[in-house]
C-alpha atoms as a PDB file:
ATOM      1  CA  UNK A   1      -7.837   8.046  -9.837  1.00  0.00           C
ATOM      2  CA  UNK A   2      -5.899   7.319 -13.457  1.00  0.00           C
ATOM      3  CA  UNK A   3      -2.450   6.703 -11.108  1.00  0.00           C
ATOM      4  CA  UNK A   4      -4.469   4.086  -9.136  1.00  0.00           C
ATOM      5  CA  UNK A   5      -5.152   2.280 -11.665  1.00  0.00           C
ATOM      6  CA  UNK A   6      -1.954   2.563 -13.717  1.00  0.00           C
ATOM      7  CA  UNK A   7      -0.303   0.915 -10.744  1.00  0.00           C
ATOM      8  CA  UNK A   8      -2.755  -1.645 -10.678  1.00  0.00           C
ATOM      9  CA  UNK A   9      -1.995  -2.512 -13.769  1.00  0.00           C
ATOM     10  CA  UNK A  10       1.746  -2.717 -13.246  1.00  0.00           C
ATOM     11  CA  UNK A  11       1.172  -5.006 -10.303  1.00  0.00           C
ATOM     12  CA  UNK A  12      -0.844  -7.116 -11.781  1.00  0.00           C
ATOM     13  CA  UNK A  13       1.672  -7.606 -14.784  1.00  0.00           C
ATOM     14  CA  UNK A  14       4.876  -8.247 -12.229  1.00  0.00           C
ATOM     15  CA  UNK A  15       2.182 -10.800 -10.250  1.00  0.00           C
ATOM     16  CA  UNK A  16       2.024 -12.578 -13.433  1.00  0.00           C
ATOM     17  CA  UNK A  17       5.684 -12.672 -14.353  1.00  0.00           C
ATOM     18  CA  UNK A  18       6.839 -13.362 -11.105  1.00  0.00           C
ATOM     19  CA  UNK A  19       4.069 -16.527 -10.978  1.00  0.00           C
ATOM     20  CA  UNK A  20       5.715 -17.936 -14.198  1.00  0.00           C
ATOM     21  CA  UNK A  21       9.055 -17.607 -13.151  1.00  0.00           C
ATOM     22  CA  UNK A  22       8.350 -18.928  -9.920  1.00  0.00           C
ATOM     23  CA  UNK A  23       9.721 -15.782  -8.025  1.00  0.00           C
ATOM     24  CA  UNK A  24       6.530 -14.042  -6.193  1.00  0.00           C
ATOM     25  CA  UNK A  25       7.898 -14.961  -2.750  1.00  0.00           C
ATOM     26  CA  UNK A  26      10.701 -13.020  -3.545  1.00  0.00           C
ATOM     27  CA  UNK A  27       9.188 -10.241  -5.333  1.00  0.00           C
ATOM     28  CA  UNK A  28       6.939 -10.078  -2.314  1.00  0.00           C
ATOM     29  CA  UNK A  29      10.089  -9.422   0.136  1.00  0.00           C
ATOM     30  CA  UNK A  30      11.310  -6.810  -2.356  1.00  0.00           C
ATOM     31  CA  UNK A  31       8.153  -4.762  -2.530  1.00  0.00           C
ATOM     32  CA  UNK A  32       7.813  -4.874   1.173  1.00  0.00           C
ATOM     33  CA  UNK A  33      11.261  -3.721   1.511  1.00  0.00           C
ATOM     34  CA  UNK A  34      10.302  -1.040  -1.717  1.00  0.00           C
ATOM     35  CA  UNK A  35       7.509   0.345   0.726  1.00  0.00           C
ATOM     36  CA  UNK A  36       9.168   0.280   3.562  1.00  0.00           C
ATOM     37  CA  UNK A  37      12.655   2.134   2.264  1.00  0.00           C
ATOM     38  CA  UNK A  38      10.201   4.911   0.698  1.00  0.00           C
ATOM     39  CA  UNK A  39       8.011   5.441   3.947  1.00  0.00           C
ATOM     40  CA  UNK A  40      10.953   5.914   5.819  1.00  0.00           C
ATOM     41  CA  UNK A  41      12.793   7.884   3.654  1.00  0.00           C
ATOM     42  CA  UNK A  42      10.315  10.764   2.430  1.00  0.00           C
ATOM     43  CA  UNK A  43      13.812  12.112   0.216  1.00  0.00           C
ATOM     44  CA  UNK A  44      13.492   9.319  -1.461  1.00  0.00           C
ATOM     45  CA  UNK A  45       9.603   9.843  -2.186  1.00  0.00           C
ATOM     46  CA  UNK A  46      10.191  13.257  -3.361  1.00  0.00           C
ATOM     47  CA  UNK A  47      13.286  12.187  -5.822  1.00  0.00           C
ATOM     48  CA  UNK A  48      11.196   9.698  -7.073  1.00  0.00           C
ATOM     49  CA  UNK A  49       8.677  12.645  -8.217  1.00  0.00           C
ATOM     50  CA  UNK A  50      10.243  15.394  -9.111  1.00  0.00           C
ATOM     51  CA  UNK A  51      10.138  16.091 -12.603  1.00  0.00           C
ATOM     52  CA  UNK A  52      13.486  17.714 -12.866  1.00  0.00           C
ATOM     53  CA  UNK A  53      15.296  14.182 -11.913  1.00  0.00           C
ATOM     54  CA  UNK A  54      15.756  12.286 -15.178  1.00  0.00           C
ATOM     55  CA  UNK A  55      14.550   8.856 -15.110  1.00  0.00           C
ATOM     56  CA  UNK A  56      17.284   7.296 -16.175  1.00  0.00           C
ATOM     57  CA  UNK A  57      18.907   8.989 -12.637  1.00  0.00           C
ATOM     58  CA  UNK A  58      16.031   7.654 -10.912  1.00  0.00           C
ATOM     59  CA  UNK A  59      16.185   3.973 -11.924  1.00  0.00           C
ATOM     60  CA  UNK A  60      20.156   4.165 -11.479  1.00  0.00           C
ATOM     61  CA  UNK A  61      19.390   4.997  -7.880  1.00  0.00           C
ATOM     62  CA  UNK A  62      16.774   2.568  -7.092  1.00  0.00           C
ATOM     63  CA  UNK A  63      19.620   0.004  -8.636  1.00  0.00           C
ATOM     64  CA  UNK A  64      21.962   1.707  -6.352  1.00  0.00           C
ATOM     65  CA  UNK A  65      20.066   1.661  -3.326  1.00  0.00           C
ATOM     66  CA  UNK A  66      18.161  -1.676  -3.917  1.00  0.00           C
ATOM     67  CA  UNK A  67      21.246  -3.359  -5.434  1.00  0.00           C
ATOM     68  CA  UNK A  68      19.841  -7.199  -3.540  1.00  0.00           C
ATOM     69  CA  UNK A  69      16.608  -7.048  -4.949  1.00  0.00           C
ATOM     70  CA  UNK A  70      15.346  -9.763  -7.556  1.00  0.00           C
ATOM     71  CA  UNK A  71      15.809  -9.415 -11.433  1.00  0.00           C
ATOM     72  CA  UNK A  72      12.158  -8.746 -12.345  1.00  0.00           C
ATOM     73  CA  UNK A  73      12.039  -5.812  -9.591  1.00  0.00           C
ATOM     74  CA  UNK A  74      14.835  -4.641 -10.862  1.00  0.00           C
ATOM     75  CA  UNK A  75      13.027  -4.844 -14.253  1.00  0.00           C
ATOM     76  CA  UNK A  76       9.943  -2.748 -12.463  1.00  0.00           C
ATOM     77  CA  UNK A  77      12.148   0.136 -12.227  1.00  0.00           C
ATOM     78  CA  UNK A  78      13.303  -0.104 -15.718  1.00  0.00           C
ATOM     79  CA  UNK A  79      10.084  -0.369 -17.259  1.00  0.00           C
ATOM     80  CA  UNK A  80       8.578   2.669 -15.186  1.00  0.00           C
ATOM     81  CA  UNK A  81      11.897   4.712 -16.035  1.00  0.00           C
ATOM     82  CA  UNK A  82      11.035   3.953 -19.699  1.00  0.00           C
ATOM     83  CA  UNK A  83       7.298   5.104 -19.623  1.00  0.00           C
ATOM     84  CA  UNK A  84       7.540   8.164 -17.255  1.00  0.00           C
ATOM     85  CA  UNK A  85       5.745   6.198 -14.307  1.00  0.00           C
ATOM     86  CA  UNK A  86       8.587   6.027 -11.677  1.00  0.00           C
ATOM     87  CA  UNK A  87       6.524   8.141  -9.397  1.00  0.00           C
ATOM     88  CA  UNK A  88       3.993   5.039  -8.874  1.00  0.00           C
ATOM     89  CA  UNK A  89       7.013   2.668  -7.804  1.00  0.00           C
ATOM     90  CA  UNK A  90       5.494   3.319  -4.387  1.00  0.00           C
ATOM     91  CA  UNK A  91       1.621   2.487  -4.788  1.00  0.00           C
ATOM     92  CA  UNK A  92       2.838  -0.318  -7.520  1.00  0.00           C
ATOM     93  CA  UNK A  93       4.776  -2.276  -4.728  1.00  0.00           C
ATOM     94  CA  UNK A  94       1.368  -1.587  -2.061  1.00  0.00           C
ATOM     95  CA  UNK A  95      -0.717  -2.831  -5.167  1.00  0.00           C
ATOM     96  CA  UNK A  96       1.381  -6.038  -5.774  1.00  0.00           C
ATOM     97  CA  UNK A  97       1.252  -6.901  -1.794  1.00  0.00           C
ATOM     98  CA  UNK A  98      -2.445  -6.822  -1.894  1.00  0.00           C
ATOM     99  CA  UNK A  99      -2.537  -8.977  -5.237  1.00  0.00           C
ATOM    100  CA  UNK A 100       0.204 -11.437  -3.318  1.00  0.00           C
ATOM    101  CA  UNK A 101      -2.292 -11.281  -0.234  1.00  0.00           C
ATOM    102  CA  UNK A 102      -4.981 -12.315  -1.703  1.00  0.00           C
ATOM    103  CA  UNK A 103      -2.612 -14.986  -3.740  1.00  0.00           C
ATOM    104  CA  UNK A 104      -2.194 -16.910  -0.838  1.00  0.00           C
ATOM    105  CA  UNK A 105      -6.410 -16.625   0.673  1.00  0.00           C
ATOM    106  CA  UNK A 106      -5.584 -13.446   3.267  1.00  0.00           C
ATOM    107  CA  UNK A 107      -6.604 -10.078   3.733  1.00  0.00           C
ATOM    108  CA  UNK A 108      -4.988  -7.477   5.225  1.00  0.00           C
ATOM    109  CA  UNK A 109      -6.353  -5.079   6.845  1.00  0.00           C
ATOM    110  CA  UNK A 110      -5.461  -1.014   7.570  1.00  0.00           C
ATOM    111  CA  UNK A 111      -6.837  -0.072  10.204  1.00  0.00           C
ATOM    112  CA  UNK A 112      -6.058   4.034  10.779  1.00  0.00           C
ATOM    113  CA  UNK A 113      -6.262   5.269  14.272  1.00  0.00           C
ATOM    114  CA  UNK A 114      -5.184   8.400  15.908  1.00  0.00           C
ATOM    115  CA  UNK A 115      -3.167   5.894  18.909  1.00  0.00           C
ATOM    116  CA  UNK A 116      -1.377   2.467  18.086  1.00  0.00           C
ATOM    117  CA  UNK A 117      -3.502  -0.611  18.916  1.00  0.00           C
ATOM    118  CA  UNK A 118      -3.180  -2.325  21.802  1.00  0.00           C
ATOM    119  CA  UNK A 119      -2.928  -6.188  21.156  1.00  0.00           C
ATOM    120  CA  UNK A 120      -6.085  -7.062  23.272  1.00  0.00           C
ATOM    121  CA  UNK A 121      -7.964  -4.233  21.022  1.00  0.00           C
ATOM    122  CA  UNK A 122      -6.211  -5.786  17.763  1.00  0.00           C
ATOM    123  CA  UNK A 123      -6.748  -9.421  18.418  1.00  0.00           C
ATOM    124  CA  UNK A 124     -10.839  -8.086  18.996  1.00  0.00           C
ATOM    125  CA  UNK A 125     -10.212  -6.482  15.431  1.00  0.00           C
ATOM    126  CA  UNK A 126      -8.594  -9.999  13.852  1.00  0.00           C
ATOM    127  CA  UNK A 127     -11.515 -11.983  14.933  1.00  0.00           C
ATOM    128  CA  UNK A 128     -14.123  -9.406  13.497  1.00  0.00           C
ATOM    129  CA  UNK A 129     -12.577  -9.682  10.545  1.00  0.00           C
ATOM    130  CA  UNK A 130     -12.179 -13.522   9.938  1.00  0.00           C
ATOM    131  CA  UNK A 131     -16.270 -13.820  10.863  1.00  0.00           C
ATOM    132  CA  UNK A 132     -17.105 -10.786   8.705  1.00  0.00           C
ATOM    133  CA  UNK A 133     -14.369 -12.251   5.176  1.00  0.00           C
ATOM    134  CA  UNK A 134     -14.437 -15.636   5.968  1.00  0.00           C
ATOM    135  CA  UNK A 135     -10.305 -15.306   5.827  1.00  0.00           C
ATOM    136  CA  UNK A 136      -6.815 -14.777   7.751  1.00  0.00           C
ATOM    137  CA  UNK A 137      -6.512 -11.235   7.988  1.00  0.00           C
ATOM    138  CA  UNK A 138      -3.780  -9.675   8.998  1.00  0.00           C
ATOM    139  CA  UNK A 139      -3.404  -6.032  10.413  1.00  0.00           C
ATOM    140  CA  UNK A 140      -1.624  -2.874   9.380  1.00  0.00           C
ATOM    141  CA  UNK A 141      -2.445  -0.363  12.161  1.00  0.00           C
ATOM    142  CA  UNK A 142      -1.293   3.677  10.311  1.00  0.00           C
ATOM    143  CA  UNK A 143      -0.780   5.676  13.153  1.00  0.00           C
ATOM    144  CA  UNK A 144      -2.698   9.249  12.041  1.00  0.00           C
ATOM    145  CA  UNK A 145      -1.843  12.215  15.331  1.00  0.00           C
ATOM    146  CA  UNK A 146      -4.550  14.077  12.794  1.00  0.00           C
ATOM    147  CA  UNK A 147      -7.491  11.712  13.354  1.00  0.00           C
ATOM    148  CA  UNK A 148      -9.391  12.960  16.616  1.00  0.00           C
ATOM    149  CA  UNK A 149     -11.024   9.486  17.073  1.00  0.00           C
ATOM    150  CA  UNK A 150     -12.430   6.677  16.035  1.00  0.00           C
ATOM    151  CA  UNK A 151     -10.534   4.577  13.608  1.00  0.00           C
ATOM    152  CA  UNK A 152     -11.138   3.881   9.314  1.00  0.00           C
ATOM    153  CA  UNK A 153     -10.679   0.427   8.704  1.00  0.00           C
ATOM    154  CA  UNK A 154      -9.987  -0.928   5.496  1.00  0.00           C
ATOM    155  CA  UNK A 155      -9.924  -4.445   3.932  1.00  0.00           C
ATOM    156  CA  UNK A 156      -9.626  -4.563  -0.004  1.00  0.00           C
ATOM    157  CA  UNK A 157     -12.220  -2.803  -1.566  1.00  0.00           C
ATOM    158  CA  UNK A 158     -14.762  -1.789   1.769  1.00  0.00           C
ATOM    159  CA  UNK A 159     -14.348   0.717   3.823  1.00  0.00           C
ATOM    160  CA  UNK A 160     -15.631   1.781   7.631  1.00  0.00           C
ATOM    161  CA  UNK A 161     -15.179   4.932   8.854  1.00  0.00           C
ATOM    162  CA  UNK A 162     -15.887   4.880  12.380  1.00  0.00           C
ATOM    163  CA  UNK A 163     -13.807   8.067  13.171  1.00  0.00           C
ATOM    164  CA  UNK A 164     -14.778  10.762  14.499  1.00  0.00           C
ATOM    165  CA  UNK A 165     -14.686  13.429  12.020  1.00  0.00           C
ATOM    166  CA  UNK A 166     -16.987  11.094   9.465  1.00  0.00           C
ATOM    167  CA  UNK A 167     -19.509  11.828  12.414  1.00  0.00           C
ATOM    168  CA  UNK A 168     -19.110  15.209  12.812  1.00  0.00           C
ATOM    169  CA  UNK A 169     -19.488  15.772   9.005  1.00  0.00           C
ATOM    170  CA  UNK A 170     -22.584  13.528   8.752  1.00  0.00           C
ATOM    171  CA  UNK A 171     -24.076  15.598  11.137  1.00  0.00           C
ATOM    172  CA  UNK A 172     -23.223  19.161   9.852  1.00  0.00           C
ATOM    173  CA  UNK A 173     -24.936  17.367   6.655  1.00  0.00           C
ATOM    174  CA  UNK A 174     -28.121  16.810   8.485  1.00  0.00           C
ATOM    175  CA  UNK A 175     -28.552  19.601  10.374  1.00  0.00           C
ATOM    176  CA  UNK A 176     -27.742  21.912   7.378  1.00  0.00           C
ATOM    177  CA  UNK A 177     -30.626  19.555   5.004  1.00  0.00           C
ATOM    178  CA  UNK A 178     -33.599  20.793   8.460  1.00  0.00           C
END
């Protein structure tokens, strides 16, 4: 949990600095690129979290991979490397995107499902979320084939778990209590 808090602090600092420099949009593009690249390349994530590789080598690799990113993002690489927190880069990018969407008056809802959402179902979810939050919401669908059925919906700090796993766990607890 402390990693999430640390990532949130770094993301807030980057957001504040980006706003001061009027570069929040460019940094947002950088953070999306960073998230996408790390998620598509597990080797990169493993390298960033490796205790064997020096922070300076990790920073050099990030500078080479993300050579087109803004100065602010490159400064973040250096700061994380210096503080031995470079493994948090993906979490920092995620939190920054959350802050950016919040700044723009939008929320990002993460929907975890066993199969990809259909366009019709996504539209229904968006309609319900707008009614609940009163804000424009975008959906990020994450597919987890290990999920037996149902879905897990996260918007900001709220989570609604309607997965079959959750229902079975609740049923098991009820049976054990009786």
